[in-house]
Amino acid sequence: MILVLSLSSSAIFSFPNFSSKEYISFFSWTRLKTSSNNYGYNLTATVTSQQQTNNKLVVGANVQVPGLPDWLTANDSLEITFINSSPVDIVNCSPTYKTCAWLQKIRISRSYKGVDSLYFTFPVPDQNSPYRKYDYFTIAINDSIHLQYQGVEDTIFMGSFLNDNKRNEPDKWLLAKGAIMVRVSNNAPFKIKNIQMDALHKELIAQYLGCDLYSKLDTQCDYFGIDFLGNTKAIRISNVKINASTLLADSTYNITWTTEEKEMVQSCSIFVCFDDDTTKWWLQPMNDVSSIIENESYSWTVPSHIKTCKFKVIVSGNGQVVSATSALYPVKNSTEPPVEDSLIANNYTLTALIESDTVYLNWKDSTSAYSAGDSIGILKCSYQFVERNEPGVELVRMFPVTVTSFVLPNPESLCYLGLLVRNKEGKWSKATSKSIVSVGKKIFDTVTVTPSDTHSLFNNT
């Protein structure tokens, strides 16, 4: 997020203050008329830099957006612009707002359906000129449509759309009363605490915003908006480790880490990579996520036939996604049998493309050394297996070596699919780190949002 504060040389007005490394929390939401609660997404903007050039202050920040639609991807950025003079589209306003800063627009870093800016004109007075009941300002949307805001309380403004050409016809002048409700607060980051928009008037609201925000939400709702929740704390992960310098194959260890602001963490995932191949991280199964988050510990058994391993912990909550990685640990295989000359080679690379309920497997041989009598087997197991005869390993399908792809249903839970080679004598190869993939619908733990976790607007108004 980039906050652009534009100042002129004629007057300097007070703008919202932002400190470096500050974390600002948002809540993007929708609601049905039949519900008193808002459901949506928590977002956290992290202020990373501030730079003042002449009369402009640019505050840079990143926004982490887990699980949102494509138009708001993780670690995306925004640009919020404030100006220090009355906007050109203001028809009239209370005297206080003639000499204060104004929020002008929010610009996303990349366009969505041809639109990259949301215009939301609103005054931002300093602490000595607070918002008052009966304050007003009117914005010209076009030659005929005006949006008039009026303070119905000291902290609430009601925005209504008017047809200025029908001012002398009372039954036609008021187009949409209360189409936008705004709660203000001197303690909120942008002086705006809540914005609520009535979907019944989404076409008029789209003209005001400069884009169809309702359609971008991809949901049916009666109200939609955003809450500016104020400053928040930052989740941090560090010190991912196992309390040993060298790991023994087939032994069990505790992966531990340190979490700051642990009470805000809602989900946790553990990944492991082998033989320093950081291009492929293996998600580890979990039974009791809450206990793992609380104890900051995960019990893990070292597989056989690996030389090194490294661990990554990823946690999310309160609109934040953070991770940390351990050092590289060597693995000692004390009981590994000697390599036999007749061991069947496995030179295949297996890849998986998951699309909803379907898994598309493709494989490629790097040597083309297999004969027509050899065959390929796709096997399935709940853990990362190496050999055909390990406990729980199931055969899915056999193929001749001329086949290079296979399509199958996506399993309901996390599991591993491996490609092994069988020669004409019936001897099997072993799986390698390149010939095994993880699949399954339930890869990450689901966080259930209850009404107590959400926000309700204008309860007492």
Protein backbone atom coordinates (compact mmCIF):
# COMPACT_ATOMS: atom_id res chain seq x y z
CA MET A 1 0.00 0.00 0.00
CA ILE A 2 1.34 3.44 -0.92
CA LEU A 3 -0.19 6.40 0.91
CA VAL A 4 0.32 9.62 -1.06
CA LEU A 5 -0.20 12.85 0.88
CA SER A 6 -0.11 15.89 -1.44
CA LEU A 7 0.53 19.32 0.12
CA SER A 8 0.43 22.77 -1.45
CA SER A 9 2.64 25.69 -0.55
CA SER A 10 -0.31 27.93 0.40
CA ALA A 11 -1.53 25.94 3.40
CA ILE A 12 -0.38 22.96 5.40
CA PHE A 13 -3.13 20.88 6.98
CA SER A 14 -2.73 17.98 9.40
CA PHE A 15 -2.79 14.51 7.91
CA PRO A 16 -3.14 11.13 9.63
CA ASN A 17 0.10 10.05 11.27
CA PHE A 18 1.82 6.81 10.30
CA SER A 19 4.90 5.39 11.97
CA SER A 20 7.43 3.13 10.28
CA LYS A 21 6.69 -0.60 10.72
CA GLU A 22 3.14 0.24 11.78
CA TYR A 23 0.47 -2.42 11.17
CA ILE A 24 -3.04 -1.26 10.18
CA SER A 25 -5.93 -3.71 10.29
CA PHE A 26 -8.88 -3.74 7.81
CA PHE A 27 -12.01 -5.87 7.52
CA SER A 28 -13.59 -6.25 4.06
CA TRP A 29 -17.11 -7.57 4.44
CA THR A 30 -20.58 -8.33 3.07
CA ARG A 31 -23.91 -8.83 4.88
CA LEU A 32 -27.46 -9.98 4.20
CA LYS A 33 -30.46 -8.12 5.60
CA THR A 34 -31.40 -11.23 7.56
CA SER A 35 -28.09 -11.15 9.48
CA SER A 36 -26.75 -8.70 12.03
CA ASN A 37 -23.15 -9.82 11.46
CA ASN A 38 -20.67 -9.00 8.73
CA TYR A 39 -18.65 -11.80 7.10
CA GLY A 40 -15.50 -11.25 5.12
CA TYR A 41 -11.72 -11.00 5.25
CA ASN A 42 -9.26 -9.47 7.71
CA LEU A 43 -6.44 -7.58 5.98
CA THR A 44 -3.27 -6.18 7.50
CA ALA A 45 -1.30 -3.35 5.89
CA THR A 46 2.31 -3.09 7.03
CA VAL A 47 3.83 0.39 6.78
CA THR A 48 7.36 -0.15 5.44
CA SER A 49 8.66 3.29 4.41
CA GLN A 50 7.99 7.04 4.41
CA GLN A 51 9.52 9.54 2.05
CA GLN A 52 8.82 13.28 1.83
CA THR A 53 9.55 15.07 -1.44
CA ASN A 54 8.76 18.78 -1.58
CA ASN A 55 5.11 18.93 -0.46
CA LYS A 56 4.26 15.26 -0.89
CA LEU A 57 4.63 12.52 1.70
CA VAL A 58 4.64 8.93 0.37
CA VAL A 59 4.03 6.17 2.91
CA GLY A 60 4.71 2.69 1.53
CA ALA A 61 3.11 -0.48 2.87
CA ASN A 62 2.44 -4.10 1.94
CA VAL A 63 -0.93 -5.78 2.30
CA GLN A 64 -1.13 -9.50 3.07
CA VAL A 65 -4.38 -10.99 1.86
CA PRO A 66 -4.74 -14.72 2.51
CA GLY A 67 -7.53 -16.48 0.64
CA LEU A 68 -8.91 -13.46 -1.21
CA PRO A 69 -10.04 -13.37 -4.86
CA ASP A 70 -7.43 -12.91 -7.61
CA TRP A 71 -7.86 -9.13 -7.75
CA LEU A 72 -6.41 -8.84 -4.21
CA THR A 73 -3.54 -11.31 -4.12
CA ALA A 74 -1.14 -11.91 -1.24
CA ASN A 75 1.50 -9.22 -0.67
CA ASP A 76 -0.19 -6.87 -3.12
CA SER A 77 0.01 -3.10 -2.65
CA LEU A 78 -2.38 -0.15 -2.66
CA GLU A 79 -2.00 3.60 -3.03
CA ILE A 80 -4.12 5.98 -0.95
CA THR A 81 -4.09 9.66 -1.89
CA PHE A 82 -4.85 12.63 0.37
CA ILE A 83 -5.03 16.23 -0.90
CA ASN A 84 -4.89 19.45 1.10
CA SER A 85 -7.50 21.48 -0.75
CA SER A 86 -11.19 21.15 -1.46
CA PRO A 87 -11.70 18.67 -4.36
CA VAL A 88 -12.95 20.17 -7.63
CA ASP A 89 -16.13 18.07 -7.54
CA ILE A 90 -17.28 19.47 -4.18
CA VAL A 91 -20.41 21.60 -4.78
CA ASN A 92 -20.68 22.94 -1.23
CA CYS A 93 -19.60 21.94 2.28
CA SER A 94 -19.46 23.07 5.91
CA PRO A 95 -16.88 25.82 6.55
CA THR A 96 -14.64 23.41 8.50
CA TYR A 97 -14.13 21.25 5.42
CA LYS A 98 -13.01 24.14 3.23
CA THR A 99 -9.68 24.23 5.07
CA CYS A 100 -8.84 20.61 5.78
CA ALA A 101 -7.26 17.61 4.09
CA TRP A 102 -9.41 15.23 2.02
CA LEU A 103 -9.17 11.54 1.29
CA GLN A 104 -9.42 11.34 -2.49
CA LYS A 105 -8.88 7.85 -3.91
CA ILE A 106 -7.57 4.34 -3.35
CA ARG A 107 -5.57 2.87 -6.22
CA ILE A 108 -4.80 -0.83 -6.56
CA SER A 109 -1.36 -1.75 -7.86
CA ARG A 110 -2.67 -3.54 -10.95
CA SER A 111 -5.91 -3.08 -12.83
CA TYR A 112 -8.88 -5.41 -12.46
CA LYS A 113 -11.26 -5.57 -15.42
CA GLY A 114 -9.80 -2.30 -16.69
CA VAL A 115 -10.22 -0.38 -13.39
CA ASP A 116 -7.38 0.49 -11.05
CA SER A 117 -8.83 3.20 -8.77
CA LEU A 118 -11.64 3.53 -6.26
CA TYR A 119 -12.59 7.17 -5.67
CA PHE A 120 -13.88 7.87 -2.17
CA THR A 121 -13.91 11.61 -1.48
CA PHE A 122 -14.19 12.40 2.23
CA PRO A 123 -12.86 15.20 4.50
CA VAL A 124 -10.11 14.45 7.04
CA PRO A 125 -10.08 17.38 9.53
CA ASP A 126 -7.41 17.72 12.18
CA GLN A 127 -7.92 17.07 15.89
CA ASN A 128 -8.93 20.70 16.55
CA SER A 129 -11.82 20.50 14.06
CA PRO A 130 -13.70 17.28 14.83
CA TYR A 131 -16.71 16.00 12.88
CA ARG A 132 -20.07 17.42 14.07
CA LYS A 133 -23.70 16.52 13.77
CA TYR A 134 -25.36 18.51 10.91
CA ASP A 135 -22.01 18.95 9.09
CA TYR A 136 -22.44 18.42 5.37
CA PHE A 137 -20.75 18.28 1.99
CA THR A 138 -22.05 17.59 -1.52
CA ILE A 139 -20.14 15.87 -4.33
CA ALA A 140 -21.06 16.25 -8.01
CA ILE A 141 -20.96 12.76 -9.56
CA ASN A 142 -21.96 14.16 -12.96
CA ASP A 143 -24.04 17.04 -14.36
CA SER A 144 -27.22 15.78 -12.72
CA ILE A 145 -26.36 13.27 -9.96
CA HIS A 146 -25.05 14.60 -6.64
CA LEU A 147 -24.04 12.71 -3.48
CA GLN A 148 -24.85 14.62 -0.30
CA TYR A 149 -23.32 13.60 3.03
CA GLN A 150 -24.78 14.90 6.28
CA GLY A 151 -23.79 14.24 9.87
CA VAL A 152 -26.74 12.52 11.55
CA GLU A 153 -24.62 12.13 14.68
CA ASP A 154 -21.18 13.45 15.66
CA THR A 155 -19.70 10.15 14.47
CA ILE A 156 -22.04 9.07 11.63
CA PHE A 157 -22.51 10.54 8.16
CA MET A 158 -25.33 9.51 5.85
CA GLY A 159 -24.74 9.73 2.10
CA SER A 160 -27.78 10.15 -0.18
CA PHE A 161 -27.91 10.44 -3.96
CA LEU A 162 -29.87 13.39 -5.40
CA ASN A 163 -31.01 14.40 -8.88
CA ASP A 164 -29.96 18.03 -8.95
CA ASN A 165 -32.02 18.69 -12.09
CA LYS A 166 -35.18 17.74 -10.15
CA ARG A 167 -34.49 19.94 -7.12
CA ASN A 168 -37.91 21.62 -7.52
CA GLU A 169 -39.68 18.26 -7.68
CA PRO A 170 -39.45 16.72 -4.17
CA ASP A 171 -40.79 13.32 -5.24
CA LYS A 172 -38.06 12.99 -7.90
CA TRP A 173 -35.18 14.86 -6.24
CA LEU A 174 -34.20 12.17 -3.70
CA LEU A 175 -32.88 9.12 -5.57
CA ALA A 176 -31.34 6.98 -2.80
CA LYS A 177 -31.51 7.99 0.85
CA GLY A 178 -28.79 6.50 3.05
CA ALA A 179 -27.12 4.62 0.19
CA ILE A 180 -23.76 5.03 1.99
CA MET A 181 -23.26 5.21 5.77
CA VAL A 182 -19.88 6.26 7.17
CA ARG A 183 -18.80 6.08 10.80
CA VAL A 184 -15.93 8.46 11.63
CA SER A 185 -13.47 8.63 14.51
CA ASN A 186 -10.48 10.80 15.29
CA ASN A 187 -8.67 7.62 16.44
CA ALA A 188 -9.10 5.68 13.18
CA PRO A 189 -6.12 5.57 10.77
CA PHE A 190 -7.84 7.63 8.06
CA LYS A 191 -10.45 9.26 10.36
CA ILE A 192 -12.92 6.82 8.76
CA LYS A 193 -13.88 3.82 10.90
CA ASN A 194 -16.63 2.05 8.90
CA ILE A 195 -18.10 2.35 5.41
CA GLN A 196 -21.40 0.62 4.64
CA MET A 197 -22.91 0.60 1.13
CA ASP A 198 -26.43 -0.50 0.21
CA ALA A 199 -26.35 -2.99 -2.68
CA LEU A 200 -29.85 -1.85 -3.67
CA HIS A 201 -28.16 1.29 -5.09
CA LYS A 202 -25.02 -0.41 -6.46
CA GLU A 203 -25.29 1.32 -9.87
CA LEU A 204 -25.21 4.81 -8.31
CA ILE A 205 -22.45 3.74 -5.92
CA ALA A 206 -20.41 2.44 -8.87
CA GLN A 207 -20.57 5.91 -10.46
CA TYR A 208 -19.28 7.46 -7.22
CA LEU A 209 -16.45 4.93 -6.71
CA GLY A 210 -15.45 4.90 -10.37
CA CYS A 211 -15.73 1.09 -10.50
CA ASP A 212 -18.24 -1.68 -9.82
CA LEU A 213 -16.98 -2.86 -6.42
CA TYR A 214 -20.14 -4.92 -5.85
CA SER A 215 -19.43 -7.15 -8.85
CA LYS A 216 -15.82 -7.60 -7.76
CA LEU A 217 -16.98 -9.18 -4.51
CA ASP A 218 -18.39 -12.14 -6.49
CA THR A 219 -21.17 -12.69 -3.97
CA GLN A 220 -24.85 -11.85 -3.48
CA CYS A 221 -25.34 -9.48 -0.56
CA ASP A 222 -27.57 -6.64 0.64
CA TYR A 223 -24.76 -4.53 2.16
CA PHE A 224 -21.01 -4.38 1.57
CA GLY A 225 -18.17 -2.28 2.88
CA ILE A 226 -14.91 -2.05 4.78
CA ASP A 227 -13.96 -1.41 8.40
CA PHE A 228 -10.75 0.45 9.31
CA LEU A 229 -9.99 -1.31 12.60
CA GLY A 230 -6.98 0.75 13.62
CA ASN A 231 -3.47 -0.27 14.50
CA THR A 232 -2.72 -3.90 15.24
CA LYS A 233 0.18 -6.06 16.40
CA ALA A 234 2.42 -8.07 14.10
CA ILE A 235 2.72 -11.86 14.21
CA ARG A 236 6.32 -13.03 13.92
CA ILE A 237 7.90 -16.50 13.67
CA SER A 238 11.55 -17.22 14.50
CA ASN A 239 14.02 -19.83 15.78
CA VAL A 240 12.68 -22.83 13.81
CA LYS A 241 14.88 -25.76 14.88
CA ILE A 242 15.37 -29.33 16.10
CA ASN A 243 17.48 -29.71 19.22
CA ALA A 244 20.16 -31.81 17.52
CA SER A 245 23.07 -31.12 15.20
CA THR A 246 22.68 -34.36 13.18
CA LEU A 247 19.47 -36.35 12.73
CA LEU A 248 19.18 -40.13 12.73
CA ALA A 249 16.98 -41.74 10.06
CA ASP A 250 13.80 -43.38 11.42
CA SER A 251 14.12 -41.39 14.67
CA THR A 252 11.49 -38.96 15.98
CA TYR A 253 12.25 -35.34 16.93
CA ASN A 254 10.31 -32.22 17.90
CA ILE A 255 10.39 -29.30 15.47
CA THR A 256 10.05 -26.16 17.61
CA TRP A 257 9.75 -22.43 16.94
CA THR A 258 8.98 -19.13 18.67
CA THR A 259 5.81 -17.13 17.95
CA GLU A 260 5.20 -13.48 18.82
CA GLU A 261 1.51 -12.54 19.33
CA LYS A 262 0.59 -16.24 19.40
CA GLU A 263 -2.98 -15.48 20.49
CA MET A 264 -3.70 -14.04 17.01
CA VAL A 265 -2.58 -17.19 15.15
CA GLN A 266 -5.47 -19.15 13.61
CA SER A 267 -3.72 -21.66 11.33
CA CYS A 268 -0.33 -23.35 11.14
CA SER A 269 1.39 -25.49 8.47
CA ILE A 270 4.71 -27.37 8.61
CA PHE A 271 6.75 -28.05 5.47
CA VAL A 272 9.92 -30.09 4.96
CA CYS A 273 12.37 -30.16 2.05
CA PHE A 274 14.93 -32.91 1.49
CA ASP A 275 18.51 -32.95 0.22
CA ASP A 276 18.52 -29.12 0.09
CA ASP A 277 15.96 -29.09 -2.75
CA THR A 278 14.15 -25.88 -1.74
CA THR A 279 12.07 -25.94 -4.92
CA LYS A 280 9.93 -28.73 -3.43
CA TRP A 281 8.47 -28.42 0.07
CA TRP A 282 6.42 -31.29 1.52
CA LEU A 283 3.39 -30.42 3.66
CA GLN A 284 3.23 -32.49 6.84
CA PRO A 285 -0.08 -33.94 8.13
CA MET A 286 -1.52 -32.55 11.39
CA ASN A 287 -4.09 -33.98 13.78
CA ASP A 288 -4.39 -31.32 16.50
CA VAL A 289 -3.55 -27.92 15.01
CA SER A 290 -4.64 -25.95 18.10
CA SER A 291 -2.25 -27.90 20.32
CA ILE A 292 0.61 -27.47 17.82
CA ILE A 293 0.01 -23.68 17.73
CA GLU A 294 -0.16 -23.46 21.52
CA ASN A 295 2.92 -25.63 22.21
CA GLU A 296 4.95 -24.33 19.25
CA SER A 297 6.09 -27.88 18.61
CA TYR A 298 5.53 -30.63 16.01
CA SER A 299 6.63 -34.26 16.36
CA TRP A 300 8.33 -35.52 13.19
CA THR A 301 9.96 -38.81 12.16
CA VAL A 302 13.00 -38.65 9.86
CA PRO A 303 12.47 -40.69 6.67
CA SER A 304 15.05 -43.19 5.48
CA HIS A 305 17.32 -42.65 2.50
CA ILE A 306 17.68 -38.85 2.75
CA LYS A 307 20.92 -36.97 3.31
CA THR A 308 19.69 -33.59 4.61
CA CYS A 309 16.46 -31.82 5.51
CA LYS A 310 15.16 -28.32 6.27
CA PHE A 311 11.90 -27.12 7.90
CA LYS A 312 9.52 -24.23 7.27
CA VAL A 313 6.72 -23.06 9.59
CA ILE A 314 3.90 -20.90 8.15
CA VAL A 315 1.22 -19.34 10.38
CA SER A 316 -1.70 -17.03 9.57
CA GLY A 317 -4.22 -14.95 11.49
CA ASN A 318 -5.60 -11.42 11.78
CA GLY A 319 -4.97 -10.85 8.07
CA GLN A 320 -1.29 -11.79 8.29
CA VAL A 321 0.71 -14.67 6.81
CA VAL A 322 4.27 -15.12 8.13
CA SER A 323 6.88 -17.86 7.90
CA ALA A 324 10.35 -18.85 9.06
CA THR A 325 12.82 -21.51 7.92
CA SER A 326 15.30 -23.63 9.86
CA ALA A 327 18.94 -24.34 9.13
CA LEU A 328 19.92 -27.39 7.04
CA TYR A 329 20.23 -30.59 9.10
CA PRO A 330 22.41 -33.55 7.98
CA VAL A 331 20.84 -37.03 8.29
CA LYS A 332 22.75 -40.18 9.25
CA ASN A 333 21.42 -43.50 7.91
CA SER A 334 23.11 -45.97 10.29
CA THR A 335 21.14 -49.03 9.17
CA GLU A 336 21.05 -48.34 5.44
CA PRO A 337 21.76 -51.55 3.50
CA PRO A 338 24.53 -51.61 0.87
CA VAL A 339 23.49 -50.61 -2.63
CA GLU A 340 22.96 -53.60 -4.92
CA ASP A 341 24.26 -53.54 -8.49
CA SER A 342 20.92 -54.92 -9.66
CA LEU A 343 18.88 -52.09 -8.04
CA ILE A 344 16.31 -50.80 -10.53
CA ALA A 345 17.00 -47.16 -11.46
CA ASN A 346 14.23 -44.56 -11.25
CA ASN A 347 15.04 -41.59 -13.49
CA TYR A 348 11.49 -40.21 -13.67
CA THR A 349 10.20 -36.79 -12.63
CA LEU A 350 6.54 -36.79 -11.59
CA THR A 351 4.44 -33.59 -11.55
CA ALA A 352 0.85 -33.00 -10.46
CA LEU A 353 -1.58 -30.25 -11.48
CA ILE A 354 -4.56 -30.01 -9.12
CA GLU A 355 -7.76 -28.41 -10.36
CA SER A 356 -10.59 -28.69 -7.82
CA ASP A 357 -11.69 -32.37 -7.81
CA THR A 358 -9.17 -33.61 -10.40
CA VAL A 359 -5.43 -34.40 -10.36
CA TYR A 360 -3.50 -34.33 -13.67
CA LEU A 361 -0.29 -36.38 -13.42
CA ASN A 362 2.55 -36.13 -15.92
CA TRP A 363 5.94 -37.83 -15.86
CA LYS A 364 9.14 -37.73 -17.86
CA ASP A 365 12.17 -40.03 -18.03
CA SER A 366 15.49 -38.15 -18.07
CA THR A 367 17.44 -41.03 -19.66
CA SER A 368 15.08 -43.03 -21.96
CA ALA A 369 16.92 -46.12 -20.73
CA TYR A 370 13.94 -48.38 -20.07
CA SER A 371 13.06 -51.39 -22.27
CA ALA A 372 9.66 -52.42 -23.63
CA GLY A 373 9.41 -55.10 -20.96
CA ASP A 374 9.55 -52.53 -18.13
CA SER A 375 6.45 -50.88 -16.68
CA ILE A 376 5.47 -47.94 -14.48
CA GLY A 377 3.38 -48.04 -11.31
CA ILE A 378 1.57 -45.14 -9.62
CA LEU A 379 1.32 -45.85 -5.88
CA LYS A 380 -0.46 -44.04 -3.05
CA CYS A 381 0.32 -43.64 0.66
CA SER A 382 -0.54 -41.32 3.56
CA TYR A 383 3.15 -40.51 4.11
CA GLN A 384 6.17 -39.93 1.89
CA PHE A 385 7.15 -43.53 1.14
CA VAL A 386 10.29 -44.88 -0.57
CA GLU A 387 9.66 -48.56 -1.31
CA ARG A 388 6.77 -50.57 -2.75
CA ASN A 389 6.43 -52.86 0.28
CA GLU A 390 6.25 -50.18 3.00
CA PRO A 391 3.14 -50.31 5.27
CA GLY A 392 0.08 -48.56 3.82
CA VAL A 393 1.41 -48.30 0.24
CA GLU A 394 -1.35 -49.04 -2.32
CA LEU A 395 -1.06 -49.61 -6.07
CA VAL A 396 -3.24 -47.17 -8.04
CA ARG A 397 -2.51 -48.20 -11.66
CA MET A 398 0.14 -49.83 -13.83
CA PHE A 399 1.25 -48.40 -17.20
CA PRO A 400 3.66 -49.33 -20.01
CA VAL A 401 6.72 -47.08 -20.21
CA THR A 402 5.25 -45.43 -23.34
CA VAL A 403 2.50 -43.73 -21.27
CA THR A 404 3.38 -40.30 -19.85
CA SER A 405 0.21 -39.03 -18.12
CA PHE A 406 -2.78 -40.07 -16.00
CA VAL A 407 -5.89 -38.32 -14.62
CA LEU A 408 -7.53 -39.32 -11.35
CA PRO A 409 -9.92 -37.84 -8.74
CA ASN A 410 -8.35 -35.57 -6.15
CA PRO A 411 -8.29 -37.43 -2.79
CA GLU A 412 -10.33 -35.98 0.08
CA SER A 413 -7.30 -35.69 2.38
CA LEU A 414 -3.57 -35.15 2.08
CA CYS A 415 -1.65 -38.10 0.63
CA TYR A 416 1.38 -38.85 -1.55
CA LEU A 417 1.49 -40.33 -5.07
CA GLY A 418 4.74 -41.91 -6.21
CA LEU A 419 6.00 -43.28 -9.52
CA LEU A 420 8.05 -46.48 -9.31
CA VAL A 421 9.59 -48.55 -12.13
CA ARG A 422 9.12 -52.37 -12.37
CA ASN A 423 11.32 -54.45 -14.69
CA LYS A 424 10.25 -57.57 -16.59
CA GLU A 425 11.50 -59.78 -13.71
CA GLY A 426 9.06 -58.03 -11.36
CA LYS A 427 11.66 -56.09 -9.35
CA TRP A 428 10.68 -52.57 -8.27
CA SER A 429 12.70 -49.38 -8.06
CA LYS A 430 12.44 -47.00 -5.13
CA ALA A 431 10.71 -43.64 -5.11
CA THR A 432 12.92 -40.55 -5.30
CA SER A 433 12.31 -36.95 -4.24
CA LYS A 434 11.55 -36.20 -7.91
CA SER A 435 9.12 -39.07 -8.44
CA ILE A 436 6.68 -38.38 -5.60
CA VAL A 437 4.10 -35.59 -5.18
CA SER A 438 1.55 -34.57 -2.54
CA VAL A 439 -2.13 -34.22 -3.47
CA GLY A 440 -5.50 -33.93 -1.71
CA LYS A 441 -8.29 -31.44 -1.15
CA LYS A 442 -7.65 -30.81 2.54
CA ILE A 443 -4.11 -29.49 2.28
CA PHE A 444 -4.49 -26.57 4.69
CA ASP A 445 -6.54 -26.43 7.84
CA THR A 446 -9.85 -24.60 7.64
CA VAL A 447 -10.54 -21.71 10.00
CA THR A 448 -14.24 -21.46 10.88
CA VAL A 449 -15.44 -17.88 11.32
CA THR A 450 -18.18 -17.57 13.93
CA PRO A 451 -20.39 -14.51 14.57
CA SER A 452 -18.24 -13.62 17.59
CA ASP A 453 -15.25 -13.20 15.25
CA THR A 454 -17.01 -10.72 12.97
CA HIS A 455 -18.04 -7.13 13.20
CA SER A 456 -21.50 -5.57 13.37
CA LEU A 457 -22.05 -1.98 12.17
CA PHE A 458 -24.34 0.69 13.55
CA ASN A 459 -25.84 -1.56 16.24
CA ASN A 460 -27.17 1.31 18.32
CA THR A 461 -28.14 3.76 15.58
